[in-house]
């Protein structure tokens, strides 16, 4: 409906093809470097550094300069730069990215934490890993209802104020080792520990999901004109993806570095005292890191 009175040829001629190439190419290369870093290649590898450098220069320098000065006449800018000065719009975009970053954290890191922190069966591990993701989904369903009842601004602020401290409490002490119990309680069962931790995680995930859903819907409310719904919606999705990839890169890097310190410190002395041959320790470490098989055949002496 927006371009119903324009010819297809006119739209093609006035479209900012160079801006499109700079934006998509720079973003793609930059995200590729973030995905490769710490996973496929080390962070100081030439592949990662090159992608981050080239993508960053194109996306954050060349593309804005092109859109600002745009030497071609009768060409509409691919991305109106005023969107970056629209505080309400940017706040909603970044909130959706934060919500997505939390979701991917619980999808990638939390299942590994469940398997490492708690001695549970595979069925129980799958249940705990799935409950966090379900909290996000049900929160997104609830977010629309809450936004309709009390308004998006109040509901977004209130859900974020609830979610942030709850998730911080869960992350600070997932095993509840620092909880001060009353003198009458001399022991605490594993089930009670899981109840407290999962209660915090599910509650936080629920309200994060509610905030993300409302922010995604509300992001285009503050536009200068509704004719830019497509452009603004696409930019919001790109910002969400950018923050998600950045969050996953941080999670993966921190987890890999931490495992590189703790596994040799605690695992090697434990397996040596248990009688595992020293020649099998490298294969065991590869299996624990996920780069090798963790079986009796691949790790001689493993029981």
C-alpha atoms as a PDB file:
ATOM      1  CA  UNK A   1       0.000   0.000   0.000  1.00  0.00           C
ATOM      2  CA  UNK A   2       2.894   2.365   0.636  1.00  0.00           C
ATOM      3  CA  UNK A   3       4.208   2.255  -2.949  1.00  0.00           C
ATOM      4  CA  UNK A   4       0.979   1.470  -4.804  1.00  0.00           C
ATOM      5  CA  UNK A   5       1.287   4.607  -6.971  1.00  0.00           C
ATOM      6  CA  UNK A   6       4.939   4.062  -7.909  1.00  0.00           C
ATOM      7  CA  UNK A   7       6.363   2.042 -10.761  1.00  0.00           C
ATOM      8  CA  UNK A   8       8.654  -0.897 -10.067  1.00  0.00           C
ATOM      9  CA  UNK A   9      11.373   0.697 -12.190  1.00  0.00           C
ATOM     10  CA  UNK A  10      11.213   3.894 -10.132  1.00  0.00           C
ATOM     11  CA  UNK A  11      11.562   1.936  -6.891  1.00  0.00           C
ATOM     12  CA  UNK A  12      14.563   0.019  -8.220  1.00  0.00           C
ATOM     13  CA  UNK A  13      16.308   3.176  -9.460  1.00  0.00           C
ATOM     14  CA  UNK A  14      15.771   5.146  -6.238  1.00  0.00           C
ATOM     15  CA  UNK A  15      16.733   2.274  -3.944  1.00  0.00           C
ATOM     16  CA  UNK A  16      20.014   2.647  -2.046  1.00  0.00           C
ATOM     17  CA  UNK A  17      21.767  -0.476  -3.300  1.00  0.00           C
ATOM     18  CA  UNK A  18      25.195   0.641  -2.099  1.00  0.00           C
ATOM     19  CA  UNK A  19      23.840   1.280   1.400  1.00  0.00           C
ATOM     20  CA  UNK A  20      22.233  -2.169   1.382  1.00  0.00           C
ATOM     21  CA  UNK A  21      25.532  -3.777   0.393  1.00  0.00           C
ATOM     22  CA  UNK A  22      27.511  -1.920   3.058  1.00  0.00           C
ATOM     23  CA  UNK A  23      24.976  -2.696   5.780  1.00  0.00           C
ATOM     24  CA  UNK A  24      24.401  -6.382   5.053  1.00  0.00           C
ATOM     25  CA  UNK A  25      28.032  -7.086   4.156  1.00  0.00           C
ATOM     26  CA  UNK A  26      29.452  -5.329   7.213  1.00  0.00           C
ATOM     27  CA  UNK A  27      26.932  -6.889   9.593  1.00  0.00           C
ATOM     28  CA  UNK A  28      27.394 -10.364   8.127  1.00  0.00           C
ATOM     29  CA  UNK A  29      31.195 -10.250   8.311  1.00  0.00           C
ATOM     30  CA  UNK A  30      31.178  -8.795  11.839  1.00  0.00           C
ATOM     31  CA  UNK A  31      28.735 -11.432  13.127  1.00  0.00           C
ATOM     32  CA  UNK A  32      30.757 -14.131  11.404  1.00  0.00           C
ATOM     33  CA  UNK A  33      33.829 -13.049  13.361  1.00  0.00           C
ATOM     34  CA  UNK A  34      31.876 -13.108  16.618  1.00  0.00           C
ATOM     35  CA  UNK A  35      30.581 -16.601  15.878  1.00  0.00           C
ATOM     36  CA  UNK A  36      34.024 -17.912  14.961  1.00  0.00           C
ATOM     37  CA  UNK A  37      35.822 -16.411  17.943  1.00  0.00           C
ATOM     38  CA  UNK A  38      36.443 -18.848  20.774  1.00  0.00           C
ATOM     39  CA  UNK A  39      34.618 -21.641  18.941  1.00  0.00           C
ATOM     40  CA  UNK A  40      35.977 -22.488  15.501  1.00  0.00           C
ATOM     41  CA  UNK A  41      39.103 -20.341  15.890  1.00  0.00           C
ATOM     42  CA  UNK A  42      40.862 -18.671  18.851  1.00  0.00           C
ATOM     43  CA  UNK A  43      40.067 -15.002  19.377  1.00  0.00           C
ATOM     44  CA  UNK A  44      43.543 -13.936  18.243  1.00  0.00           C
ATOM     45  CA  UNK A  45      43.325 -15.943  15.014  1.00  0.00           C
ATOM     46  CA  UNK A  46      43.618 -14.017  11.753  1.00  0.00           C
ATOM     47  CA  UNK A  47      40.211 -15.216  10.564  1.00  0.00           C
ATOM     48  CA  UNK A  48      38.466 -13.752  13.614  1.00  0.00           C
ATOM     49  CA  UNK A  49      40.481 -10.545  13.833  1.00  0.00           C
ATOM     50  CA  UNK A  50      40.106  -9.914  10.107  1.00  0.00           C
ATOM     51  CA  UNK A  51      36.339 -10.403  10.139  1.00  0.00           C
ATOM     52  CA  UNK A  52      35.886  -8.174  13.189  1.00  0.00           C
ATOM     53  CA  UNK A  53      38.136  -5.453  11.777  1.00  0.00           C
ATOM     54  CA  UNK A  54      36.720  -5.405   8.251  1.00  0.00           C
ATOM     55  CA  UNK A  55      33.113  -5.832   9.377  1.00  0.00           C
ATOM     56  CA  UNK A  56      33.475  -3.180  12.084  1.00  0.00           C
ATOM     57  CA  UNK A  57      34.981  -0.609   9.703  1.00  0.00           C
ATOM     58  CA  UNK A  58      32.297  -1.192   7.074  1.00  0.00           C
ATOM     59  CA  UNK A  59      29.347  -1.347   9.497  1.00  0.00           C
ATOM     60  CA  UNK A  60      30.275   1.366  11.986  1.00  0.00           C
ATOM     61  CA  UNK A  61      32.244   3.797   9.809  1.00  0.00           C
ATOM     62  CA  UNK A  62      31.690   3.374   6.064  1.00  0.00           C
ATOM     63  CA  UNK A  63      27.948   2.723   6.199  1.00  0.00           C
ATOM     64  CA  UNK A  64      27.034   5.690   8.489  1.00  0.00           C
ATOM     65  CA  UNK A  65      29.212   8.044   6.433  1.00  0.00           C
ATOM     66  CA  UNK A  66      27.548   6.882   3.238  1.00  0.00           C
ATOM     67  CA  UNK A  67      24.071   7.372   4.686  1.00  0.00           C
ATOM     68  CA  UNK A  68      24.934  10.825   6.052  1.00  0.00           C
ATOM     69  CA  UNK A  69      26.475  12.298   2.916  1.00  0.00           C
ATOM     70  CA  UNK A  70      24.769  10.093   0.247  1.00  0.00           C
ATOM     71  CA  UNK A  71      26.245  11.650  -2.921  1.00  0.00           C
ATOM     72  CA  UNK A  72      23.617  10.149  -5.237  1.00  0.00           C
ATOM     73  CA  UNK A  73      20.652  12.382  -6.009  1.00  0.00           C
ATOM     74  CA  UNK A  74      17.074  11.074  -5.998  1.00  0.00           C
ATOM     75  CA  UNK A  75      18.131   8.058  -3.946  1.00  0.00           C
ATOM     76  CA  UNK A  76      16.369   7.372  -0.674  1.00  0.00           C
ATOM     77  CA  UNK A  77      18.669   6.385   2.244  1.00  0.00           C
ATOM     78  CA  UNK A  78      18.575   2.696   2.985  1.00  0.00           C
ATOM     79  CA  UNK A  79      18.394   3.359   6.737  1.00  0.00           C
ATOM     80  CA  UNK A  80      17.128   6.697   8.116  1.00  0.00           C
ATOM     81  CA  UNK A  81      19.719   7.705  10.705  1.00  0.00           C
ATOM     82  CA  UNK A  82      17.155   9.461  12.859  1.00  0.00           C
ATOM     83  CA  UNK A  83      16.141   6.004  14.084  1.00  0.00           C
ATOM     84  CA  UNK A  84      19.363   5.923  16.097  1.00  0.00           C
ATOM     85  CA  UNK A  85      18.418   9.146  17.898  1.00  0.00           C
ATOM     86  CA  UNK A  86      14.891   7.962  18.693  1.00  0.00           C
ATOM     87  CA  UNK A  87      15.339   7.041  22.367  1.00  0.00           C
ATOM     88  CA  UNK A  88      12.067   5.159  22.770  1.00  0.00           C
ATOM     89  CA  UNK A  89      12.671   3.104  19.653  1.00  0.00           C
ATOM     90  CA  UNK A  90      16.263   2.288  20.570  1.00  0.00           C
ATOM     91  CA  UNK A  91      15.275   1.347  24.128  1.00  0.00           C
ATOM     92  CA  UNK A  92      12.760  -1.181  22.813  1.00  0.00           C
ATOM     93  CA  UNK A  93      15.267  -2.582  20.306  1.00  0.00           C
ATOM     94  CA  UNK A  94      17.937  -3.096  22.934  1.00  0.00           C
ATOM     95  CA  UNK A  95      15.455  -4.625  25.365  1.00  0.00           C
ATOM     96  CA  UNK A  96      14.521  -7.234  22.769  1.00  0.00           C
ATOM     97  CA  UNK A  97      18.234  -7.953  22.311  1.00  0.00           C
ATOM     98  CA  UNK A  98      18.785  -8.309  26.052  1.00  0.00           C
ATOM     99  CA  UNK A  99      15.837 -10.685  26.295  1.00  0.00           C
ATOM    100  CA  UNK A 100      17.144 -12.762  23.392  1.00  0.00           C
ATOM    101  CA  UNK A 101      20.628 -12.806  24.940  1.00  0.00           C
ATOM    102  CA  UNK A 102      19.180 -14.175  28.191  1.00  0.00           C
ATOM    103  CA  UNK A 103      17.185 -16.771  26.286  1.00  0.00           C
ATOM    104  CA  UNK A 104      20.204 -18.058  24.375  1.00  0.00           C
ATOM    105  CA  UNK A 105      22.206 -18.119  27.599  1.00  0.00           C
ATOM    106  CA  UNK A 106      19.688 -20.462  29.182  1.00  0.00           C
ATOM    107  CA  UNK A 107      19.498 -22.484  25.968  1.00  0.00           C
ATOM    108  CA  UNK A 108      23.274 -22.969  25.607  1.00  0.00           C
ATOM    109  CA  UNK A 109      24.926 -22.593  29.018  1.00  0.00           C
ATOM    110  CA  UNK A 110      22.224 -23.661  31.460  1.00  0.00           C
ATOM    111  CA  UNK A 111      21.895 -27.276  30.146  1.00  0.00           C
ATOM    112  CA  UNK A 112      25.648 -27.697  30.610  1.00  0.00           C
ATOM    113  CA  UNK A 113      25.423 -26.230  34.106  1.00  0.00           C
ATOM    114  CA  UNK A 114      22.626 -28.636  35.023  1.00  0.00           C
ATOM    115  CA  UNK A 115      24.711 -31.599  33.893  1.00  0.00           C
ATOM    116  CA  UNK A 116      27.767 -30.353  35.822  1.00  0.00           C
ATOM    117  CA  UNK A 117      26.290 -28.949  39.032  1.00  0.00           C
ATOM    118  CA  UNK A 118      23.605 -31.486  39.836  1.00  0.00           C
ATOM    119  CA  UNK A 119      23.867 -35.267  39.883  1.00  0.00           C
ATOM    120  CA  UNK A 120      20.632 -36.092  38.082  1.00  0.00           C
ATOM    121  CA  UNK A 121      19.345 -38.526  35.505  1.00  0.00           C
ATOM    122  CA  UNK A 122      19.138 -37.533  31.854  1.00  0.00           C
ATOM    123  CA  UNK A 123      15.361 -37.158  32.112  1.00  0.00           C
ATOM    124  CA  UNK A 124      15.698 -34.804  35.080  1.00  0.00           C
ATOM    125  CA  UNK A 125      18.421 -32.805  33.335  1.00  0.00           C
ATOM    126  CA  UNK A 126      16.191 -32.379  30.298  1.00  0.00           C
ATOM    127  CA  UNK A 127      13.312 -31.259  32.493  1.00  0.00           C
ATOM    128  CA  UNK A 128      15.366 -28.602  34.281  1.00  0.00           C
ATOM    129  CA  UNK A 129      16.885 -27.371  31.023  1.00  0.00           C
ATOM    130  CA  UNK A 130      13.458 -27.126  29.396  1.00  0.00           C
ATOM    131  CA  UNK A 131      11.770 -25.333  32.274  1.00  0.00           C
ATOM    132  CA  UNK A 132      13.914 -22.226  31.784  1.00  0.00           C
ATOM    133  CA  UNK A 133      13.029 -22.021  28.084  1.00  0.00           C
ATOM    134  CA  UNK A 134       9.372 -22.586  28.901  1.00  0.00           C
ATOM    135  CA  UNK A 135       9.518 -19.650  31.293  1.00  0.00           C
ATOM    136  CA  UNK A 136      10.511 -17.381  28.403  1.00  0.00           C
ATOM    137  CA  UNK A 137       7.739 -18.701  26.169  1.00  0.00           C
ATOM    138  CA  UNK A 138       4.989 -18.336  28.746  1.00  0.00           C
ATOM    139  CA  UNK A 139       6.348 -14.898  29.644  1.00  0.00           C
ATOM    140  CA  UNK A 140       6.020 -13.794  26.024  1.00  0.00           C
ATOM    141  CA  UNK A 141       2.428 -14.990  26.006  1.00  0.00           C
ATOM    142  CA  UNK A 142       1.716 -13.123  29.228  1.00  0.00           C
ATOM    143  CA  UNK A 143       3.484  -9.937  28.113  1.00  0.00           C
ATOM    144  CA  UNK A 144       0.842  -8.988  25.577  1.00  0.00           C
ATOM    145  CA  UNK A 145      -1.940  -9.347  28.129  1.00  0.00           C
ATOM    146  CA  UNK A 146      -0.058  -7.307  30.717  1.00  0.00           C
ATOM    147  CA  UNK A 147       0.756  -4.574  28.216  1.00  0.00           C
ATOM    148  CA  UNK A 148      -2.898  -4.339  27.221  1.00  0.00           C
ATOM    149  CA  UNK A 149      -4.056  -4.012  30.826  1.00  0.00           C
ATOM    150  CA  UNK A 150      -1.563  -1.514  32.286  1.00  0.00           C
ATOM    151  CA  UNK A 151       0.154  -0.141  29.184  1.00  0.00           C
ATOM    152  CA  UNK A 152       3.483  -1.079  27.560  1.00  0.00           C
ATOM    153  CA  UNK A 153       5.654   1.526  29.298  1.00  0.00           C
ATOM    154  CA  UNK A 154       4.687   0.555  32.868  1.00  0.00           C
ATOM    155  CA  UNK A 155       4.647  -3.157  32.125  1.00  0.00           C
ATOM    156  CA  UNK A 156       8.094  -3.172  30.454  1.00  0.00           C
ATOM    157  CA  UNK A 157       9.688  -1.255  33.328  1.00  0.00           C
ATOM    158  CA  UNK A 158       8.010  -3.375  36.012  1.00  0.00           C
ATOM    159  CA  UNK A 159       8.898  -6.715  34.413  1.00  0.00           C
ATOM    160  CA  UNK A 160      12.551  -5.721  33.967  1.00  0.00           C
ATOM    161  CA  UNK A 161      12.765  -4.535  37.579  1.00  0.00           C
ATOM    162  CA  UNK A 162      11.485  -7.945  38.697  1.00  0.00           C
ATOM    163  CA  UNK A 163      13.535 -10.090  36.313  1.00  0.00           C
ATOM    164  CA  UNK A 164      16.962  -8.499  36.790  1.00  0.00           C
ATOM    165  CA  UNK A 165      17.456  -9.043  40.560  1.00  0.00           C
ATOM    166  CA  UNK A 166      15.823 -12.490  40.473  1.00  0.00           C
ATOM    167  CA  UNK A 167      18.179 -13.782  37.758  1.00  0.00           C
ATOM    168  CA  UNK A 168      21.157 -12.148  39.459  1.00  0.00           C
ATOM    169  CA  UNK A 169      20.284 -13.990  42.676  1.00  0.00           C
ATOM    170  CA  UNK A 170      20.092 -17.304  40.822  1.00  0.00           C
ATOM    171  CA  UNK A 171      23.391 -16.724  39.007  1.00  0.00           C
ATOM    172  CA  UNK A 172      25.248 -15.567  42.129  1.00  0.00           C
ATOM    173  CA  UNK A 173      24.734 -18.826  44.021  1.00  0.00           C
ATOM    174  CA  UNK A 174      23.123 -21.632  41.982  1.00  0.00           C
ATOM    175  CA  UNK A 175      24.002 -24.212  44.627  1.00  0.00           C
ATOM    176  CA  UNK A 176      22.744 -21.997  47.482  1.00  0.00           C
ATOM    177  CA  UNK A 177      25.980 -22.448  49.406  1.00  0.00           C
ATOM    178  CA  UNK A 178      25.770 -18.965  50.927  1.00  0.00           C
ATOM    179  CA  UNK A 179      22.175 -19.143  52.161  1.00  0.00           C
ATOM    180  CA  UNK A 180      21.879 -18.590  55.924  1.00  0.00           C
ATOM    181  CA  UNK A 181      19.524 -21.254  57.231  1.00  0.00           C
ATOM    182  CA  UNK A 182      17.966 -21.242  60.684  1.00  0.00           C
ATOM    183  CA  UNK A 183      19.613 -23.217  63.466  1.00  0.00           C
ATOM    184  CA  UNK A 184      16.786 -25.734  63.453  1.00  0.00           C
ATOM    185  CA  UNK A 185      17.639 -26.908  59.951  1.00  0.00           C
ATOM    186  CA  UNK A 186      20.672 -29.157  60.106  1.00  0.00           C
ATOM    187  CA  UNK A 187      20.607 -30.319  56.477  1.00  0.00           C
ATOM    188  CA  UNK A 188      18.972 -29.407  53.213  1.00  0.00           C
ATOM    189  CA  UNK A 189      18.034 -31.865  50.540  1.00  0.00           C
ATOM    190  CA  UNK A 190      19.015 -31.673  46.897  1.00  0.00           C
ATOM    191  CA  UNK A 191      15.370 -31.193  46.006  1.00  0.00           C
ATOM    192  CA  UNK A 192      15.121 -28.087  48.180  1.00  0.00           C
ATOM    193  CA  UNK A 193      18.225 -26.606  46.555  1.00  0.00           C
ATOM    194  CA  UNK A 194      16.760 -27.204  43.101  1.00  0.00           C
ATOM    195  CA  UNK A 195      13.410 -25.772  44.128  1.00  0.00           C
ATOM    196  CA  UNK A 196      14.968 -22.490  45.218  1.00  0.00           C
ATOM    197  CA  UNK A 197      17.266 -22.195  42.200  1.00  0.00           C
ATOM    198  CA  UNK A 198      14.638 -23.209  39.651  1.00  0.00           C
ATOM    199  CA  UNK A 199      12.078 -20.926  41.280  1.00  0.00           C
ATOM    200  CA  UNK A 200      14.377 -17.964  40.766  1.00  0.00           C
ATOM    201  CA  UNK A 201      15.324 -18.969  37.217  1.00  0.00           C
ATOM    202  CA  UNK A 202      11.785 -19.656  36.011  1.00  0.00           C
ATOM    203  CA  UNK A 203      10.471 -16.446  37.574  1.00  0.00           C
ATOM    204  CA  UNK A 204      13.245 -14.361  36.042  1.00  0.00           C
ATOM    205  CA  UNK A 205      12.882 -16.030  32.641  1.00  0.00           C
ATOM    206  CA  UNK A 206       9.128 -15.480  32.734  1.00  0.00           C
ATOM    207  CA  UNK A 207       9.415 -11.736  33.288  1.00  0.00           C
ATOM    208  CA  UNK A 208      12.303 -11.375  30.820  1.00  0.00           C
ATOM    209  CA  UNK A 209      10.126 -13.046  28.188  1.00  0.00           C
ATOM    210  CA  UNK A 210       7.231 -10.731  29.032  1.00  0.00           C
ATOM    211  CA  UNK A 211       9.459  -7.670  28.711  1.00  0.00           C
ATOM    212  CA  UNK A 212      10.938  -8.825  25.404  1.00  0.00           C
ATOM    213  CA  UNK A 213       7.539  -9.498  23.853  1.00  0.00           C
ATOM    214  CA  UNK A 214       6.205  -6.081  24.813  1.00  0.00           C
ATOM    215  CA  UNK A 215       9.369  -4.296  23.662  1.00  0.00           C
ATOM    216  CA  UNK A 216       9.267  -6.043  20.276  1.00  0.00           C
ATOM    217  CA  UNK A 217       5.672  -5.003  19.678  1.00  0.00           C
ATOM    218  CA  UNK A 218       6.161  -1.457  21.006  1.00  0.00           C
ATOM    219  CA  UNK A 219       9.361  -0.716  19.098  1.00  0.00           C
ATOM    220  CA  UNK A 220       7.563   0.810  16.112  1.00  0.00           C
ATOM    221  CA  UNK A 221       5.047   2.875  18.115  1.00  0.00           C
ATOM    222  CA  UNK A 222       7.338   5.903  18.362  1.00  0.00           C
ATOM    223  CA  UNK A 223       8.214   6.179  14.664  1.00  0.00           C
ATOM    224  CA  UNK A 224       7.945   9.511  12.919  1.00  0.00           C
ATOM    225  CA  UNK A 225       5.683   7.930  10.326  1.00  0.00           C
ATOM    226  CA  UNK A 226       4.183   4.465  10.041  1.00  0.00           C
ATOM    227  CA  UNK A 227       5.448   4.326   6.454  1.00  0.00           C
ATOM    228  CA  UNK A 228       8.796   3.264   7.929  1.00  0.00           C
ATOM    229  CA  UNK A 229       7.443   0.170   9.681  1.00  0.00           C
ATOM    230  CA  UNK A 230       9.428  -2.172   7.443  1.00  0.00           C
ATOM    231  CA  UNK A 231      12.734  -0.339   7.849  1.00  0.00           C
ATOM    232  CA  UNK A 232      12.362   0.097  11.596  1.00  0.00           C
ATOM    233  CA  UNK A 233      11.224  -3.493  12.096  1.00  0.00           C
ATOM    234  CA  UNK A 234      14.174  -4.802  10.117  1.00  0.00           C
ATOM    235  CA  UNK A 235      16.616  -2.677  12.106  1.00  0.00           C
ATOM    236  CA  UNK A 236      15.067  -3.890  15.362  1.00  0.00           C
ATOM    237  CA  UNK A 237      15.558  -7.481  14.255  1.00  0.00           C
ATOM    238  CA  UNK A 238      19.162  -6.775  13.258  1.00  0.00           C
ATOM    239  CA  UNK A 239      19.915  -5.172  16.646  1.00  0.00           C
ATOM    240  CA  UNK A 240      18.337  -8.164  18.392  1.00  0.00           C
ATOM    241  CA  UNK A 241      20.463 -10.595  16.374  1.00  0.00           C
ATOM    242  CA  UNK A 242      23.593  -8.527  16.952  1.00  0.00           C
ATOM    243  CA  UNK A 243      23.140  -8.511  20.745  1.00  0.00           C
ATOM    244  CA  UNK A 244      22.294 -12.218  20.727  1.00  0.00           C
ATOM    245  CA  UNK A 245      25.443 -13.170  18.846  1.00  0.00           C
ATOM    246  CA  UNK A 246      27.527 -10.900  21.074  1.00  0.00           C
ATOM    247  CA  UNK A 247      26.002 -12.484  24.189  1.00  0.00           C
ATOM    248  CA  UNK A 248      26.625 -16.017  22.907  1.00  0.00           C
ATOM    249  CA  UNK A 249      30.243 -15.109  22.124  1.00  0.00           C
ATOM    250  CA  UNK A 250      30.703 -13.792  25.661  1.00  0.00           C
ATOM    251  CA  UNK A 251      29.068 -16.850  27.205  1.00  0.00           C
ATOM    252  CA  UNK A 252      31.164 -19.263  25.152  1.00  0.00           C
ATOM    253  CA  UNK A 253      34.424 -17.425  25.799  1.00  0.00           C
ATOM    254  CA  UNK A 254      33.898 -17.105  29.550  1.00  0.00           C
ATOM    255  CA  UNK A 255      32.829 -20.747  29.849  1.00  0.00           C
ATOM    256  CA  UNK A 256      35.777 -22.012  27.795  1.00  0.00           C
ATOM    257  CA  UNK A 257      38.297 -19.933  29.741  1.00  0.00           C
ATOM    258  CA  UNK A 258      36.809 -20.972  33.061  1.00  0.00           C
ATOM    259  CA  UNK A 259      36.839 -24.649  32.146  1.00  0.00           C
ATOM    260  CA  UNK A 260      40.444 -24.290  31.029  1.00  0.00           C
ATOM    261  CA  UNK A 261      41.299 -23.217  34.590  1.00  0.00           C
ATOM    262  CA  UNK A 262      39.048 -25.408  36.713  1.00  0.00           C
ATOM    263  CA  UNK A 263      39.176 -28.723  34.836  1.00  0.00           C
ATOM    264  CA  UNK A 264      42.968 -29.193  35.058  1.00  0.00           C
ATOM    265  CA  UNK A 265      42.955 -27.927  38.656  1.00  0.00           C
ATOM    266  CA  UNK A 266      40.310 -30.295  40.014  1.00  0.00           C
ATOM    267  CA  UNK A 267      39.805 -33.106  37.505  1.00  0.00           C
ATOM    268  CA  UNK A 268      43.404 -34.199  36.985  1.00  0.00           C
ATOM    269  CA  UNK A 269      44.195 -34.756  40.695  1.00  0.00           C
ATOM    270  CA  UNK A 270      40.850 -36.524  41.165  1.00  0.00           C
ATOM    271  CA  UNK A 271      41.316 -38.979  38.291  1.00  0.00           C
ATOM    272  CA  UNK A 272      44.931 -39.633  39.225  1.00  0.00           C
ATOM    273  CA  UNK A 273      43.908 -40.527  42.773  1.00  0.00           C
ATOM    274  CA  UNK A 274      41.167 -42.741  41.340  1.00  0.00           C
ATOM    275  CA  UNK A 275      43.766 -44.736  39.401  1.00  0.00           C
ATOM    276  CA  UNK A 276      43.388 -43.455  35.853  1.00  0.00           C
ATOM    277  CA  UNK A 277      46.649 -43.887  33.890  1.00  0.00           C
ATOM    278  CA  UNK A 278      48.497 -40.660  33.169  1.00  0.00           C
ATOM    279  CA  UNK A 279      48.556 -41.510  29.466  1.00  0.00           C
ATOM    280  CA  UNK A 280      44.738 -41.389  29.388  1.00  0.00           C
ATOM    281  CA  UNK A 281      44.381 -37.928  30.937  1.00  0.00           C
ATOM    282  CA  UNK A 282      44.759 -35.969  27.619  1.00  0.00           C
ATOM    283  CA  UNK A 283      42.022 -38.083  26.020  1.00  0.00           C
ATOM    284  CA  UNK A 284      39.818 -37.547  29.081  1.00  0.00           C
ATOM    285  CA  UNK A 285      40.276 -33.770  28.928  1.00  0.00           C
ATOM    286  CA  UNK A 286      39.425 -33.784  25.215  1.00  0.00           C
ATOM    287  CA  UNK A 287      36.277 -35.747  25.983  1.00  0.00           C
ATOM    288  CA  UNK A 288      35.243 -33.341  28.727  1.00  0.00           C
ATOM    289  CA  UNK A 289      35.866 -30.378  26.425  1.00  0.00           C
ATOM    290  CA  UNK A 290      33.662 -31.936  23.741  1.00  0.00           C
ATOM    291  CA  UNK A 291      36.458 -32.266  21.196  1.00  0.00           C
ATOM    292  CA  UNK A 292      36.796 -36.033  21.583  1.00  0.00           C
ATOM    293  CA  UNK A 293      34.859 -39.130  22.490  1.00  0.00           C
ATOM    294  CA  UNK A 294      34.319 -39.903  26.166  1.00  0.00           C
ATOM    295  CA  UNK A 295      34.098 -43.691  26.089  1.00  0.00           C
ATOM    296  CA  UNK A 296      35.957 -46.619  27.593  1.00  0.00           C
ATOM    297  CA  UNK A 297      37.554 -47.352  24.240  1.00  0.00           C
ATOM    298  CA  UNK A 298      38.819 -43.806  23.691  1.00  0.00           C
ATOM    299  CA  UNK A 299      39.965 -43.281  27.300  1.00  0.00           C
ATOM    300  CA  UNK A 300      41.794 -46.435  28.487  1.00  0.00           C
ATOM    301  CA  UNK A 301      41.218 -47.096  32.172  1.00  0.00           C
ATOM    302  CA  UNK A 302      37.934 -45.169  32.308  1.00  0.00           C
ATOM    303  CA  UNK A 303      35.237 -46.910  34.307  1.00  0.00           C
END
